Amino acid sequence: MGAAFDPIPADVRSRLRGLQLLSRRSTGARGIGLHASRSRGAGMEFAQYRSYEQGDELRQVDWKLYARSDRFFVRESERESPLTVWLLLDATASAGQADGDGTGGSRLDAIKALAACVAELALRQGDAFGMVAVQGGRLRLMPAAIGARQRDRLWLELHALDAGGAWPPLQGLRPLWERVAANDLVLMIGDGFDEAGIALAEQLAAARREVLHLQVLTTEERDFPFRGGHRFVDPETGEELLGDGAALRGQYLARFGAAQQALAARLQAAGIRQAVHYLDQPLDASLRQLLQAPAGAR
C-alpha cells in the first residue's frame, strides 16, 4: 500500500538522519539513554554480514566486499532493544489555530508533520509505532506496528485528522491506558494548554511510561504582534475578549512567560523532557532539542 500524502518536507527528511529515538527507562539513567540488547539492525557495533534485500539502505552496503565478490552484502550491527513509540496528538479545536499571515500553516499541520518525522525515525530503527489522537472529545487510535506499511497507514490517518472538540473526561482515556505498556515511549504533541493533557502526561510518567512533551505554538502566541482593536476568541470554550492589542501586549507577554515557566517546572518535576516548536521554525530544530541526550546520560 502506498500513501500519496507525505507530510515531511524533503530538506527536513535529509536532516533527520542524525537523530535517534532512545529511552532512559531500561538504563535507569537521568536523561535519555540506550537500550542494550543483541537484536540486529543499523546500530553502533558491527555484528555480521547478510545478503542485500530490497528496502535496505545503500549506506549499509559494504562496497569493498562487493568489489571482491561482485555480490551485495549489508553490514548488520548490534543495536538498541526495539521500542514501542506512541504518538499522542492533541487535535482538539485549538490545534486549528494558525498565524494571521498564513505562511506557517496551522498548529495541526505542524503536529502532523512532527508526528510523521518521529515515525520515520522509528521506522529506520525497526521500532514499533502507533498513534492516539484526541479529537472531537474522543480518542482516535491506531495500534502500534512496525514497517513501511505502518508508516503509510499513519500518513493516511494524519491526512484525515481534523481539529475539533476538547479533551475527553478521564474515563474516555481508558483505551490509551490499555494500549500503552510500561517502558513504552510516549511523545505528546500539542499546545500544552489543556490541564487534562498535562495531567495525563504526569500520570503516564508516574506509571513508568517514558513521556516526552513537544509543545507546538504559533508565532503570535510567542510575540503577540497585534495592534488596534481585536476580538480574541478561545476556539474550545468560545470565550471572547475585546481589547486593544498594543495595550494588552505587555500584560499578555508577562502572563504567557510565567505560564511557560510553570509548565516547564511541572514537567521537569514529573521527569518529562520537553521542547517547544514555533510555527516559524524548521521541524527538525525542536526534535533535535528534544531527542538530544544530556551530557553524561549515556
C-alpha atoms as a PDB file:
ATOM      1  CA  MET A   1       0.000   0.000   0.000  1.00  0.00           C
ATOM      2  CA  GLY A   2       1.347   3.415  -0.850  1.00  0.00           C
ATOM      3  CA  ALA A   3       0.416   6.803   0.542  1.00  0.00           C
ATOM      4  CA  ALA A   4       0.439   9.854  -1.692  1.00  0.00           C
ATOM      5  CA  PHE A   5       0.373  12.202   1.290  1.00  0.00           C
ATOM      6  CA  ASP A   6       3.926  12.779   2.557  1.00  0.00           C
ATOM      7  CA  PRO A   7       3.935  15.357   5.387  1.00  0.00           C
ATOM      8  CA  ILE A   8       7.744  15.551   5.660  1.00  0.00           C
ATOM      9  CA  PRO A   9       9.485  18.199   3.507  1.00  0.00           C
ATOM     10  CA  ALA A  10      12.453  16.811   1.563  1.00  0.00           C
ATOM     11  CA  ASP A  11      15.000  19.092   3.245  1.00  0.00           C
ATOM     12  CA  VAL A  12      13.766  18.076   6.702  1.00  0.00           C
ATOM     13  CA  ARG A  13      13.847  14.386   5.804  1.00  0.00           C
ATOM     14  CA  SER A  14      17.534  14.652   4.937  1.00  0.00           C
ATOM     15  CA  ARG A  15      18.314  16.310   8.269  1.00  0.00           C
ATOM     16  CA  LEU A  16      16.561  13.615  10.294  1.00  0.00           C
ATOM     17  CA  ARG A  17      19.364  11.148   9.619  1.00  0.00           C
ATOM     18  CA  GLY A  18      21.364  12.284  12.616  1.00  0.00           C
ATOM     19  CA  LEU A  19      18.531  11.767  15.128  1.00  0.00           C
ATOM     20  CA  GLN A  20      17.617   8.677  17.165  1.00  0.00           C
ATOM     21  CA  LEU A  21      14.739   7.660  19.400  1.00  0.00           C
ATOM     22  CA  LEU A  22      16.273   6.473  22.646  1.00  0.00           C
ATOM     23  CA  SER A  23      14.822   5.573  26.028  1.00  0.00           C
ATOM     24  CA  ARG A  24      16.212   6.081  29.512  1.00  0.00           C
ATOM     25  CA  ARG A  25      13.954   3.611  31.314  1.00  0.00           C
ATOM     26  CA  SER A  26      15.964   0.443  30.780  1.00  0.00           C
ATOM     27  CA  THR A  27      19.234   2.032  31.890  1.00  0.00           C
ATOM     28  CA  GLY A  28      17.943   3.941  34.900  1.00  0.00           C
ATOM     29  CA  ALA A  29      19.855   6.979  33.655  1.00  0.00           C
ATOM     30  CA  ARG A  30      18.829  10.541  34.238  1.00  0.00           C
ATOM     31  CA  GLY A  31      18.094  11.661  30.718  1.00  0.00           C
ATOM     32  CA  ILE A  32      17.569   9.660  27.555  1.00  0.00           C
ATOM     33  CA  GLY A  33      19.820   6.610  27.492  1.00  0.00           C
ATOM     34  CA  LEU A  34      20.266   3.490  25.340  1.00  0.00           C
ATOM     35  CA  HIS A  35      18.664   0.057  25.374  1.00  0.00           C
ATOM     36  CA  ALA A  36      21.282  -2.702  25.272  1.00  0.00           C
ATOM     37  CA  SER A  37      20.429  -5.978  23.517  1.00  0.00           C
ATOM     38  CA  ARG A  38      21.567  -8.484  20.920  1.00  0.00           C
ATOM     39  CA  SER A  39      18.997  -7.552  18.286  1.00  0.00           C
ATOM     40  CA  ARG A  40      20.343  -6.904  14.806  1.00  0.00           C
ATOM     41  CA  GLY A  41      19.957  -3.653  12.898  1.00  0.00           C
ATOM     42  CA  ALA A  42      21.677  -0.477  11.776  1.00  0.00           C
ATOM     43  CA  GLY A  43      23.232   0.157  15.190  1.00  0.00           C
ATOM     44  CA  MET A  44      26.621   1.120  16.530  1.00  0.00           C
ATOM     45  CA  GLU A  45      28.872  -2.009  16.677  1.00  0.00           C
ATOM     46  CA  PHE A  46      29.489  -4.363  13.744  1.00  0.00           C
ATOM     47  CA  ALA A  47      27.954  -7.834  14.208  1.00  0.00           C
ATOM     48  CA  GLN A  48      27.751  -9.697  10.874  1.00  0.00           C
ATOM     49  CA  TYR A  49      27.125  -9.559   7.120  1.00  0.00           C
ATOM     50  CA  ARG A  50      23.969 -10.677   5.335  1.00  0.00           C
ATOM     51  CA  SER A  51      22.786 -10.590   1.717  1.00  0.00           C
ATOM     52  CA  TYR A  52      21.234  -7.351   0.493  1.00  0.00           C
ATOM     53  CA  GLU A  53      17.434  -7.303   0.469  1.00  0.00           C
ATOM     54  CA  GLN A  54      15.066  -4.892  -1.257  1.00  0.00           C
ATOM     55  CA  GLY A  55      14.425  -1.949   1.039  1.00  0.00           C
ATOM     56  CA  ASP A  56      17.855  -1.935   2.693  1.00  0.00           C
ATOM     57  CA  GLU A  57      19.589   1.434   2.709  1.00  0.00           C
ATOM     58  CA  LEU A  58      22.524   1.737   0.303  1.00  0.00           C
ATOM     59  CA  ARG A  59      24.671   3.255   3.043  1.00  0.00           C
ATOM     60  CA  GLN A  60      24.655  -0.169   4.771  1.00  0.00           C
ATOM     61  CA  VAL A  61      26.164  -1.927   1.729  1.00  0.00           C
ATOM     62  CA  ASP A  62      29.811  -2.929   2.136  1.00  0.00           C
ATOM     63  CA  TRP A  63      31.213  -1.723  -1.186  1.00  0.00           C
ATOM     64  CA  LYS A  64      34.694  -3.177  -0.601  1.00  0.00           C
ATOM     65  CA  LEU A  65      33.189  -6.625  -0.159  1.00  0.00           C
ATOM     66  CA  TYR A  66      31.114  -6.058  -3.301  1.00  0.00           C
ATOM     67  CA  ALA A  67      34.288  -5.267  -5.263  1.00  0.00           C
ATOM     68  CA  ARG A  68      35.806  -8.584  -4.166  1.00  0.00           C
ATOM     69  CA  SER A  69      32.746 -10.804  -4.535  1.00  0.00           C
ATOM     70  CA  ASP A  70      30.539  -8.999  -7.091  1.00  0.00           C
ATOM     71  CA  ARG A  71      27.639  -9.505  -4.648  1.00  0.00           C
ATOM     72  CA  PHE A  72      25.846  -7.038  -2.395  1.00  0.00           C
ATOM     73  CA  PHE A  73      26.204  -7.561   1.345  1.00  0.00           C
ATOM     74  CA  VAL A  74      24.824  -5.448   4.178  1.00  0.00           C
ATOM     75  CA  ARG A  75      26.660  -4.833   7.448  1.00  0.00           C
ATOM     76  CA  GLU A  76      24.423  -5.718  10.387  1.00  0.00           C
ATOM     77  CA  SER A  77      25.207  -4.280  13.787  1.00  0.00           C
ATOM     78  CA  GLU A  78      24.285  -4.643  17.407  1.00  0.00           C
ATOM     79  CA  ARG A  79      21.516  -2.157  18.088  1.00  0.00           C
ATOM     80  CA  GLU A  80      19.357  -0.964  20.921  1.00  0.00           C
ATOM     81  CA  SER A  81      16.332  -3.000  22.007  1.00  0.00           C
ATOM     82  CA  PRO A  82      13.257  -2.185  19.930  1.00  0.00           C
ATOM     83  CA  LEU A  83      10.984   0.471  21.353  1.00  0.00           C
ATOM     84  CA  THR A  84       7.262   0.929  21.063  1.00  0.00           C
ATOM     85  CA  VAL A  85       6.632   4.603  20.348  1.00  0.00           C
ATOM     86  CA  TRP A  86       3.191   6.149  20.852  1.00  0.00           C
ATOM     87  CA  LEU A  87       2.378   9.474  19.214  1.00  0.00           C
ATOM     88  CA  LEU A  88      -0.179  11.187  21.444  1.00  0.00           C
ATOM     89  CA  LEU A  89      -1.558  14.043  19.349  1.00  0.00           C
ATOM     90  CA  ASP A  90      -3.722  16.932  20.524  1.00  0.00           C
ATOM     91  CA  ALA A  91      -6.154  17.524  17.660  1.00  0.00           C
ATOM     92  CA  THR A  92      -8.656  19.490  19.728  1.00  0.00           C
ATOM     93  CA  ALA A  93     -10.155  22.721  18.393  1.00  0.00           C
ATOM     94  CA  SER A  94      -7.144  24.833  19.373  1.00  0.00           C
ATOM     95  CA  ALA A  95      -4.979  22.776  17.001  1.00  0.00           C
ATOM     96  CA  GLY A  96      -6.687  24.573  14.118  1.00  0.00           C
ATOM     97  CA  GLN A  97      -5.083  27.888  15.053  1.00  0.00           C
ATOM     98  CA  ALA A  98      -2.663  29.486  12.610  1.00  0.00           C
ATOM     99  CA  ASP A  99      -0.724  32.739  12.384  1.00  0.00           C
ATOM    100  CA  GLY A 100      -2.516  35.616  10.728  1.00  0.00           C
ATOM    101  CA  ASP A 101      -0.140  35.793   7.765  1.00  0.00           C
ATOM    102  CA  GLY A 102      -0.924  32.174   6.895  1.00  0.00           C
ATOM    103  CA  THR A 103       2.670  31.349   5.950  1.00  0.00           C
ATOM    104  CA  GLY A 104       3.352  28.659   8.546  1.00  0.00           C
ATOM    105  CA  GLY A 105       0.209  26.552   8.230  1.00  0.00           C
ATOM    106  CA  SER A 106      -1.876  25.630  11.251  1.00  0.00           C
ATOM    107  CA  ARG A 107      -0.770  24.166  14.545  1.00  0.00           C
ATOM    108  CA  LEU A 108      -2.303  20.862  13.431  1.00  0.00           C
ATOM    109  CA  ASP A 109      -0.243  20.912  10.230  1.00  0.00           C
ATOM    110  CA  ALA A 110       2.900  21.150  12.354  1.00  0.00           C
ATOM    111  CA  ILE A 111       1.671  18.437  14.736  1.00  0.00           C
ATOM    112  CA  LYS A 112       1.085  16.090  11.791  1.00  0.00           C
ATOM    113  CA  ALA A 113       4.495  16.793  10.276  1.00  0.00           C
ATOM    114  CA  LEU A 114       6.316  16.363  13.601  1.00  0.00           C
ATOM    115  CA  ALA A 115       4.497  13.082  14.216  1.00  0.00           C
ATOM    116  CA  ALA A 116       5.477  11.858  10.750  1.00  0.00           C
ATOM    117  CA  CYS A 117       9.110  12.764  11.417  1.00  0.00           C
ATOM    118  CA  VAL A 118       9.155  10.736  14.629  1.00  0.00           C
ATOM    119  CA  ALA A 119       7.514   7.801  12.865  1.00  0.00           C
ATOM    120  CA  GLU A 120      10.242   7.997  10.230  1.00  0.00           C
ATOM    121  CA  LEU A 121      12.885   7.726  12.949  1.00  0.00           C
ATOM    122  CA  ALA A 122      11.095   4.727  14.459  1.00  0.00           C
ATOM    123  CA  LEU A 123      10.841   3.097  11.023  1.00  0.00           C
ATOM    124  CA  ARG A 124      14.575   3.483  10.410  1.00  0.00           C
ATOM    125  CA  GLN A 125      15.352   1.914  13.790  1.00  0.00           C
ATOM    126  CA  GLY A 126      12.969  -1.016  13.348  1.00  0.00           C
ATOM    127  CA  ASP A 127      10.808   0.199  16.238  1.00  0.00           C
ATOM    128  CA  ALA A 128       7.046  -0.169  16.521  1.00  0.00           C
ATOM    129  CA  PHE A 129       4.948   2.996  16.494  1.00  0.00           C
ATOM    130  CA  GLY A 130       1.284   3.829  16.913  1.00  0.00           C
ATOM    131  CA  MET A 131      -0.921   6.894  17.243  1.00  0.00           C
ATOM    132  CA  VAL A 132      -3.506   8.131  19.704  1.00  0.00           C
ATOM    133  CA  ALA A 133      -5.184  11.381  18.639  1.00  0.00           C
ATOM    134  CA  VAL A 134      -7.503  13.399  20.864  1.00  0.00           C
ATOM    135  CA  GLN A 135     -10.199  14.686  18.508  1.00  0.00           C
ATOM    136  CA  GLY A 136     -13.806  15.703  18.940  1.00  0.00           C
ATOM    137  CA  GLY A 137     -13.905  14.724  22.598  1.00  0.00           C
ATOM    138  CA  ARG A 138     -12.775  11.139  21.971  1.00  0.00           C
ATOM    139  CA  LEU A 139      -9.677   9.110  21.155  1.00  0.00           C
ATOM    140  CA  ARG A 140      -8.729   8.074  17.639  1.00  0.00           C
ATOM    141  CA  LEU A 141      -6.369   5.104  17.984  1.00  0.00           C
ATOM    142  CA  MET A 142      -4.057   3.382  15.518  1.00  0.00           C
ATOM    143  CA  PRO A 143      -2.427   0.271  17.061  1.00  0.00           C
ATOM    144  CA  ALA A 144       1.363   0.082  17.121  1.00  0.00           C
ATOM    145  CA  ALA A 145       3.201  -1.951  14.484  1.00  0.00           C
ATOM    146  CA  ILE A 146       6.458  -1.882  12.545  1.00  0.00           C
ATOM    147  CA  GLY A 147       7.437  -1.371   8.932  1.00  0.00           C
ATOM    148  CA  ALA A 148       6.810   0.812   5.901  1.00  0.00           C
ATOM    149  CA  ARG A 149       3.153  -0.186   5.614  1.00  0.00           C
ATOM    150  CA  GLN A 150       2.590   1.032   9.152  1.00  0.00           C
ATOM    151  CA  ARG A 151       4.223   4.326   8.150  1.00  0.00           C
ATOM    152  CA  ASP A 152       1.852   4.606   5.198  1.00  0.00           C
ATOM    153  CA  ARG A 153      -1.136   3.860   7.440  1.00  0.00           C
ATOM    154  CA  LEU A 154      -0.007   6.604   9.784  1.00  0.00           C
ATOM    155  CA  TRP A 155       0.269   9.084   6.917  1.00  0.00           C
ATOM    156  CA  LEU A 156      -3.308   8.311   5.901  1.00  0.00           C
ATOM    157  CA  GLU A 157      -4.513   8.701   9.485  1.00  0.00           C
ATOM    158  CA  LEU A 158      -2.720  12.030   9.779  1.00  0.00           C
ATOM    159  CA  HIS A 159      -4.131  13.229   6.473  1.00  0.00           C
ATOM    160  CA  ALA A 160      -7.667  12.521   7.705  1.00  0.00           C
ATOM    161  CA  LEU A 161      -7.146  14.230  11.065  1.00  0.00           C
ATOM    162  CA  ASP A 162      -9.092  17.463  11.637  1.00  0.00           C
ATOM    163  CA  ALA A 163      -9.098  19.816  14.621  1.00  0.00           C
ATOM    164  CA  GLY A 164     -12.184  19.825  16.801  1.00  0.00           C
ATOM    165  CA  GLY A 165     -13.650  19.379  20.262  1.00  0.00           C
ATOM    166  CA  ALA A 166     -11.857  19.293  23.603  1.00  0.00           C
ATOM    167  CA  TRP A 167     -10.123  16.707  25.801  1.00  0.00           C
ATOM    168  CA  PRO A 168     -12.404  13.871  26.919  1.00  0.00           C
ATOM    169  CA  PRO A 169     -13.060  13.101  30.600  1.00  0.00           C
ATOM    170  CA  LEU A 170     -10.725  10.693  32.386  1.00  0.00           C
ATOM    171  CA  GLN A 171     -12.852   7.614  31.626  1.00  0.00           C
ATOM    172  CA  GLY A 172     -12.607   8.436  27.931  1.00  0.00           C
ATOM    173  CA  LEU A 173      -8.835   7.884  28.079  1.00  0.00           C
ATOM    174  CA  ARG A 174      -9.147   4.245  29.089  1.00  0.00           C
ATOM    175  CA  PRO A 175      -8.270   2.850  25.605  1.00  0.00           C
ATOM    176  CA  LEU A 176      -4.921   4.630  25.833  1.00  0.00           C
ATOM    177  CA  TRP A 177      -4.082   3.032  29.178  1.00  0.00           C
ATOM    178  CA  GLU A 178      -4.993  -0.364  27.779  1.00  0.00           C
ATOM    179  CA  ARG A 179      -2.550   0.032  24.881  1.00  0.00           C
ATOM    180  CA  VAL A 180       0.496   1.810  26.297  1.00  0.00           C
ATOM    181  CA  ALA A 181       2.674  -0.638  28.231  1.00  0.00           C
ATOM    182  CA  ALA A 182       5.293   0.022  30.871  1.00  0.00           C
ATOM    183  CA  ASN A 183       8.577   1.247  29.340  1.00  0.00           C
ATOM    184  CA  ASP A 184       6.860   2.347  26.122  1.00  0.00           C
ATOM    185  CA  LEU A 185       7.871   5.758  24.819  1.00  0.00           C
ATOM    186  CA  VAL A 186       5.035   8.306  24.628  1.00  0.00           C
ATOM    187  CA  LEU A 187       5.545  11.538  22.705  1.00  0.00           C
ATOM    188  CA  MET A 188       2.773  14.044  23.379  1.00  0.00           C
ATOM    189  CA  ILE A 189       2.484  16.759  20.713  1.00  0.00           C
ATOM    190  CA  GLY A 190       0.144  19.698  21.236  1.00  0.00           C
ATOM    191  CA  ASP A 191      -0.172  23.210  22.618  1.00  0.00           C
ATOM    192  CA  GLY A 192       0.218  22.182  26.259  1.00  0.00           C
ATOM    193  CA  PHE A 193      -2.608  24.474  27.392  1.00  0.00           C
ATOM    194  CA  ASP A 194      -5.099  21.778  28.430  1.00  0.00           C
ATOM    195  CA  GLU A 195      -4.935  20.733  32.075  1.00  0.00           C
ATOM    196  CA  ALA A 196      -6.340  17.314  31.151  1.00  0.00           C
ATOM    197  CA  GLY A 197      -3.471  16.720  28.742  1.00  0.00           C
ATOM    198  CA  ILE A 198      -0.740  17.736  31.167  1.00  0.00           C
ATOM    199  CA  ALA A 199      -2.326  15.699  33.971  1.00  0.00           C
ATOM    200  CA  LEU A 200      -2.377  12.692  31.633  1.00  0.00           C
ATOM    201  CA  ALA A 201       1.322  13.159  30.851  1.00  0.00           C
ATOM    202  CA  GLU A 202       2.102  13.229  34.581  1.00  0.00           C
ATOM    203  CA  GLN A 203       0.035  10.087  35.199  1.00  0.00           C
ATOM    204  CA  LEU A 204       1.749   8.220  32.357  1.00  0.00           C
ATOM    205  CA  ALA A 205       5.182   9.195  33.670  1.00  0.00           C
ATOM    206  CA  ALA A 206       4.229   8.126  37.199  1.00  0.00           C
ATOM    207  CA  ALA A 207       3.140   4.760  35.751  1.00  0.00           C
ATOM    208  CA  ARG A 208       6.640   4.124  34.321  1.00  0.00           C
ATOM    209  CA  ARG A 209       5.918   5.255  30.795  1.00  0.00           C
ATOM    210  CA  GLU A 210       8.679   7.265  29.180  1.00  0.00           C
ATOM    211  CA  VAL A 211       6.979  10.575  28.319  1.00  0.00           C
ATOM    212  CA  LEU A 212       8.259  13.399  26.134  1.00  0.00           C
ATOM    213  CA  HIS A 213       6.315  16.601  25.525  1.00  0.00           C
ATOM    214  CA  LEU A 214       6.603  18.662  22.354  1.00  0.00           C
ATOM    215  CA  GLN A 215       4.708  21.914  22.679  1.00  0.00           C
ATOM    216  CA  VAL A 216       3.592  23.479  19.391  1.00  0.00           C
ATOM    217  CA  LEU A 217       2.883  27.213  19.467  1.00  0.00           C
ATOM    218  CA  THR A 218       2.059  29.878  16.904  1.00  0.00           C
ATOM    219  CA  THR A 219       4.385  32.837  16.499  1.00  0.00           C
ATOM    220  CA  GLU A 220       1.500  35.105  17.507  1.00  0.00           C
ATOM    221  CA  GLU A 221       1.298  33.315  20.855  1.00  0.00           C
ATOM    222  CA  ARG A 222       5.007  33.955  21.291  1.00  0.00           C
ATOM    223  CA  ASP A 223       5.191  37.557  20.016  1.00  0.00           C
ATOM    224  CA  PHE A 224       1.647  38.963  20.389  1.00  0.00           C
ATOM    225  CA  PRO A 225       2.101  41.322  17.392  1.00  0.00           C
ATOM    226  CA  PHE A 226      -1.456  42.713  17.438  1.00  0.00           C
ATOM    227  CA  ARG A 227      -2.211  46.417  17.068  1.00  0.00           C
ATOM    228  CA  GLY A 228      -5.525  48.238  17.350  1.00  0.00           C
ATOM    229  CA  GLY A 229      -8.843  46.747  18.439  1.00  0.00           C
ATOM    230  CA  HIS A 230      -9.134  42.956  18.380  1.00  0.00           C
ATOM    231  CA  ARG A 231     -11.567  40.252  19.392  1.00  0.00           C
ATOM    232  CA  PHE A 232      -9.684  37.296  20.872  1.00  0.00           C
ATOM    233  CA  VAL A 233     -11.675  34.044  20.891  1.00  0.00           C
ATOM    234  CA  ASP A 234     -10.895  30.790  22.696  1.00  0.00           C
ATOM    235  CA  PRO A 235     -11.505  28.138  19.994  1.00  0.00           C
ATOM    236  CA  GLU A 236     -12.557  25.481  22.529  1.00  0.00           C
ATOM    237  CA  THR A 237     -14.707  27.433  25.005  1.00  0.00           C
ATOM    238  CA  GLY A 238     -15.889  30.243  22.733  1.00  0.00           C
ATOM    239  CA  GLU A 239     -14.962  32.844  25.355  1.00  0.00           C
ATOM    240  CA  GLU A 240     -14.187  36.277  23.880  1.00  0.00           C
ATOM    241  CA  LEU A 241     -12.004  39.170  24.933  1.00  0.00           C
ATOM    242  CA  LEU A 242     -12.239  42.583  23.294  1.00  0.00           C
ATOM    243  CA  GLY A 243      -9.285  44.904  23.659  1.00  0.00           C
ATOM    244  CA  ASP A 244      -6.532  46.971  22.131  1.00  0.00           C
ATOM    245  CA  GLY A 245      -3.630  44.759  21.071  1.00  0.00           C
ATOM    246  CA  ALA A 246      -0.878  47.220  21.905  1.00  0.00           C
ATOM    247  CA  ALA A 247      -2.330  47.935  25.352  1.00  0.00           C
ATOM    248  CA  LEU A 248      -2.677  44.239  26.177  1.00  0.00           C
ATOM    249  CA  ARG A 249       0.735  43.153  24.884  1.00  0.00           C
ATOM    250  CA  GLY A 250       2.862  43.784  27.983  1.00  0.00           C
ATOM    251  CA  GLN A 251       0.450  42.052  30.331  1.00  0.00           C
ATOM    252  CA  TYR A 252      -0.019  39.144  27.928  1.00  0.00           C
ATOM    253  CA  LEU A 253       3.712  38.520  27.456  1.00  0.00           C
ATOM    254  CA  ALA A 254       4.303  38.579  31.221  1.00  0.00           C
ATOM    255  CA  ARG A 255       1.498  36.114  31.894  1.00  0.00           C
ATOM    256  CA  PHE A 256       2.478  33.906  28.961  1.00  0.00           C
ATOM    257  CA  GLY A 257       6.095  33.775  30.123  1.00  0.00           C
ATOM    258  CA  ALA A 258       5.046  32.905  33.669  1.00  0.00           C
ATOM    259  CA  ALA A 259       2.733  30.165  32.398  1.00  0.00           C
ATOM    260  CA  GLN A 260       5.502  28.675  30.262  1.00  0.00           C
ATOM    261  CA  GLN A 261       7.902  28.642  33.207  1.00  0.00           C
ATOM    262  CA  ALA A 262       5.287  26.969  35.393  1.00  0.00           C
ATOM    263  CA  LEU A 263       4.617  24.318  32.754  1.00  0.00           C
ATOM    264  CA  ALA A 264       8.337  23.619  32.289  1.00  0.00           C
ATOM    265  CA  ALA A 265       8.817  23.250  36.049  1.00  0.00           C
ATOM    266  CA  ARG A 266       5.820  20.940  36.327  1.00  0.00           C
ATOM    267  CA  LEU A 267       7.015  18.659  33.540  1.00  0.00           C
ATOM    268  CA  GLN A 268      10.542  18.604  34.878  1.00  0.00           C
ATOM    269  CA  ALA A 269       9.256  17.583  38.321  1.00  0.00           C
ATOM    270  CA  ALA A 270       7.456  14.652  36.664  1.00  0.00           C
ATOM    271  CA  GLY A 271      10.602  13.605  34.774  1.00  0.00           C
ATOM    272  CA  ILE A 272       9.132  14.620  31.419  1.00  0.00           C
ATOM    273  CA  ARG A 273      11.532  16.053  28.857  1.00  0.00           C
ATOM    274  CA  GLN A 274      10.114  18.992  26.867  1.00  0.00           C
ATOM    275  CA  ALA A 275      10.869  21.136  23.845  1.00  0.00           C
ATOM    276  CA  VAL A 276       8.908  23.957  22.188  1.00  0.00           C
ATOM    277  CA  HIS A 277       8.233  24.228  18.465  1.00  0.00           C
ATOM    278  CA  TYR A 278       7.071  27.508  16.913  1.00  0.00           C
ATOM    279  CA  LEU A 279       5.413  27.565  13.514  1.00  0.00           C
ATOM    280  CA  ASP A 280       8.172  29.705  12.011  1.00  0.00           C
ATOM    281  CA  GLN A 281      10.922  27.198  12.924  1.00  0.00           C
ATOM    282  CA  PRO A 282      12.264  24.215  10.951  1.00  0.00           C
ATOM    283  CA  LEU A 283      10.582  20.970  12.029  1.00  0.00           C
ATOM    284  CA  ASP A 284      13.811  19.233  12.954  1.00  0.00           C
ATOM    285  CA  ALA A 285      15.037  22.026  15.274  1.00  0.00           C
ATOM    286  CA  SER A 286      12.665  21.184  18.117  1.00  0.00           C
ATOM    287  CA  LEU A 287      13.086  17.440  17.552  1.00  0.00           C
ATOM    288  CA  ARG A 288      16.840  17.838  17.806  1.00  0.00           C
ATOM    289  CA  GLN A 289      16.431  19.682  21.088  1.00  0.00           C
ATOM    290  CA  LEU A 290      14.001  17.104  22.438  1.00  0.00           C
ATOM    291  CA  LEU A 291      15.896  13.981  21.421  1.00  0.00           C
ATOM    292  CA  GLN A 292      19.399  15.161  22.234  1.00  0.00           C
ATOM    293  CA  ALA A 293      20.584  13.208  25.258  1.00  0.00           C
ATOM    294  CA  PRO A 294      22.034  15.344  28.080  1.00  0.00           C
ATOM    295  CA  ALA A 295      25.768  15.066  28.714  1.00  0.00           C
ATOM    296  CA  GLY A 296      26.552  12.052  30.879  1.00  0.00           C
ATOM    297  CA  ALA A 297      23.185  10.381  30.263  1.00  0.00           C
ATOM    298  CA  ARG A 298      24.774   7.503  28.377  1.00  0.00           C
END
